[in-house]
C-alpha atoms as a PDB file:
ATOM      1  CA  MET A   1     257.406  40.758  81.245  1.00  0.00           C
ATOM      2  CA  LEU A   2     258.110  37.177  80.226  1.00  0.00           C
ATOM      3  CA  ASP A   3     259.259  35.112  83.218  1.00  0.00           C
ATOM      4  CA  ILE A   4     261.930  32.695  82.023  1.00  0.00           C
ATOM      5  CA  GLY A   5     263.412  31.826  85.392  1.00  0.00           C
ATOM      6  CA  TYR A   6     266.571  33.905  84.994  1.00  0.00           C
ATOM      7  CA  PRO A   7     267.395  37.184  86.758  1.00  0.00           C
ATOM      8  CA  GLU A   8     266.611  40.259  84.707  1.00  0.00           C
ATOM      9  CA  THR A   9     269.669  41.923  83.259  1.00  0.00           C
ATOM     10  CA  THR A  10     270.312  44.913  81.073  1.00  0.00           C
ATOM     11  CA  MET A  11     273.483  43.461  79.588  1.00  0.00           C
ATOM     12  CA  ALA A  12     273.581  43.557  75.811  1.00  0.00           C
ATOM     13  CA  PHE A  13     275.316  41.086  73.575  1.00  0.00           C
ATOM     14  CA  HIS A  14     276.775  41.474  70.118  1.00  0.00           C
ATOM     15  CA  VAL A  15     276.307  39.189  67.158  1.00  0.00           C
ATOM     16  CA  ARG A  16     279.607  38.790  65.371  1.00  0.00           C
ATOM     17  CA  ASP A  17     278.494  36.134  62.905  1.00  0.00           C
ATOM     18  CA  LYS A  18     277.356  37.456  59.520  1.00  0.00           C
ATOM     19  CA  ALA A  19     274.974  34.532  58.847  1.00  0.00           C
ATOM     20  CA  THR A  20     273.262  35.019  62.224  1.00  0.00           C
ATOM     21  CA  ASP A  21     273.042  38.768  61.667  1.00  0.00           C
ATOM     22  CA  THR A  22     271.453  38.166  58.276  1.00  0.00           C
ATOM     23  CA  LEU A  23     268.899  35.725  59.721  1.00  0.00           C
ATOM     24  CA  VAL A  24     267.922  38.079  62.544  1.00  0.00           C
ATOM     25  CA  ARG A  25     267.524  40.976  60.135  1.00  0.00           C
ATOM     26  CA  LYS A  26     265.435  38.837  57.761  1.00  0.00           C
ATOM     27  CA  LEU A  27     263.119  37.774  60.612  1.00  0.00           C
ATOM     28  CA  ALA A  28     262.850  41.373  61.841  1.00  0.00           C
ATOM     29  CA  ASP A  29     261.949  42.523  58.338  1.00  0.00           C
ATOM     30  CA  GLN A  30     259.375  39.756  57.813  1.00  0.00           C
ATOM     31  CA  ARG A  31     257.710  40.434  61.172  1.00  0.00           C
ATOM     32  CA  GLY A  32     258.027  44.211  61.027  1.00  0.00           C
ATOM     33  CA  VAL A  33     259.855  44.366  64.357  1.00  0.00           C
ATOM     34  CA  GLY A  34     263.214  45.572  65.646  1.00  0.00           C
ATOM     35  CA  LEU A  35     266.287  43.398  65.977  1.00  0.00           C
ATOM     36  CA  THR A  36     265.859  42.838  69.719  1.00  0.00           C
ATOM     37  CA  GLU A  37     262.270  41.711  69.235  1.00  0.00           C
ATOM     38  CA  ALA A  38     263.342  39.416  66.386  1.00  0.00           C
ATOM     39  CA  VAL A  39     265.928  37.763  68.627  1.00  0.00           C
ATOM     40  CA  ARG A  40     263.325  37.388  71.410  1.00  0.00           C
ATOM     41  CA  LEU A  41     260.821  35.841  68.980  1.00  0.00           C
ATOM     42  CA  ALA A  42     263.376  33.380  67.624  1.00  0.00           C
ATOM     43  CA  VAL A  43     264.684  32.313  71.029  1.00  0.00           C
ATOM     44  CA  SER A  44     261.160  31.972  72.464  1.00  0.00           C
ATOM     45  CA  ALA A  45     260.091  29.836  69.506  1.00  0.00           C
ATOM     46  CA  GLU A  46     263.137  27.591  69.873  1.00  0.00           C
ATOM     47  CA  LEU A  47     262.556  27.123  73.601  1.00  0.00           C
ATOM     48  CA  ARG A  48     258.886  26.234  72.980  1.00  0.00           C
ATOM     49  CA  ARG A  49     259.942  23.781  70.260  1.00  0.00           C
ATOM     50  CA  LYS A  50     262.406  22.118  72.615  1.00  0.00           C
ATOM     51  CA  ASP A  51     259.820  21.930  75.416  1.00  0.00           C
ATOM     52  CA  ALA A  52     257.331  20.384  72.978  1.00  0.00           C
ATOM     53  CA  GLY A  53     259.936  17.748  72.074  1.00  0.00           C
ATOM     54  CA  ILE A  54     260.441  16.908  75.736  1.00  0.00           C
ATOM     55  CA  ASP A  55     256.677  16.679  76.251  1.00  0.00           C
ATOM     56  CA  GLU A  56     256.404  14.311  73.284  1.00  0.00           C
ATOM     57  CA  LYS A  57     259.182  12.074  74.623  1.00  0.00           C
ATOM     58  CA  LEU A  58     257.487  11.939  78.027  1.00  0.00           C
ATOM     59  CA  ARG A  59     254.179  11.051  76.354  1.00  0.00           C
ATOM     60  CA  GLN A  60     255.860   8.214  74.452  1.00  0.00           C
ATOM     61  CA  MET A  61     257.519   6.938  77.624  1.00  0.00           C
ATOM     62  CA  ARG A  62     254.193   6.965  79.508  1.00  0.00           C
ATOM     63  CA  GLU A  63     252.524   5.133  76.615  1.00  0.00           C
ATOM     64  CA  LEU A  64     255.243   2.461  76.627  1.00  0.00           C
ATOM     65  CA  SER A  65     255.076   2.132  80.408  1.00  0.00           C
ATOM     66  CA  HIS A  66     251.296   1.640  80.261  1.00  0.00           C
ATOM     67  CA  ALA A  67     251.650  -0.940  77.485  1.00  0.00           C
ATOM     68  CA  VAL A  68     254.148  -2.919  79.569  1.00  0.00           C
ATOM     69  CA  ALA A  69     251.920  -2.679  82.651  1.00  0.00           C
ATOM     70  CA  ARG A  70     248.950  -4.070  80.651  1.00  0.00           C
ATOM     71  CA  ARG A  71     250.853  -7.253  79.751  1.00  0.00           C
ATOM     72  CA  PRO A  72     249.846 -10.259  81.845  1.00  0.00           C
ATOM     73  CA  LYS A  73     252.160 -11.379  84.626  1.00  0.00           C
ATOM     74  CA  THR A  74     254.107 -14.542  83.749  1.00  0.00           C
ATOM     75  CA  GLY A  75     254.781 -15.684  87.297  1.00  0.00           C
ATOM     76  CA  LEU A  76     258.460 -16.119  86.414  1.00  0.00           C
ATOM     77  CA  LYS A  77     261.028 -14.805  88.842  1.00  0.00           C
ATOM     78  CA  ALA A  78     263.434 -12.286  87.302  1.00  0.00           C
ATOM     79  CA  ASP A  79     266.319 -12.746  89.707  1.00  0.00           C
ATOM     80  CA  LYS A  80     270.088 -13.012  89.227  1.00  0.00           C
ATOM     81  CA  ALA A  81     269.816 -16.594  88.002  1.00  0.00           C
ATOM     82  CA  PHE A  82     267.291 -15.531  85.361  1.00  0.00           C
ATOM     83  CA  PHE A  83     269.531 -12.760  84.032  1.00  0.00           C
ATOM     84  CA  ASP A  84     272.606 -15.000  84.175  1.00  0.00           C
ATOM     85  CA  GLU A  85     270.769 -17.572  82.038  1.00  0.00           C
ATOM     86  CA  MET A  86     269.643 -14.869  79.592  1.00  0.00           C
ATOM     87  CA  SER A  87     273.211 -13.609  79.163  1.00  0.00           C
ATOM     88  CA  GLY A  88     274.703 -17.081  78.864  1.00  0.00           C
ATOM     89  CA  ASP A  89     276.605 -17.023  82.175  1.00  0.00           C
END
């Protein structure tokens, strides 16, 4: 059983949107699976895609953080007076 961090339930849900119904049936037909399996496949794929997007953002943030850390120190003090001068106050 796939552990997704939610309690197991046996509650069914109904799709009342014709476009969604059509998409689920098309996926089920293409994969040769039932409707429930088609929904599971689609939701699992979307969750993986979202997780991959988060992982990519974290990778970019780490890369930027490392690039900033590699810059040489200027010796300048970034205190309130510094930021006031930068903002024109």
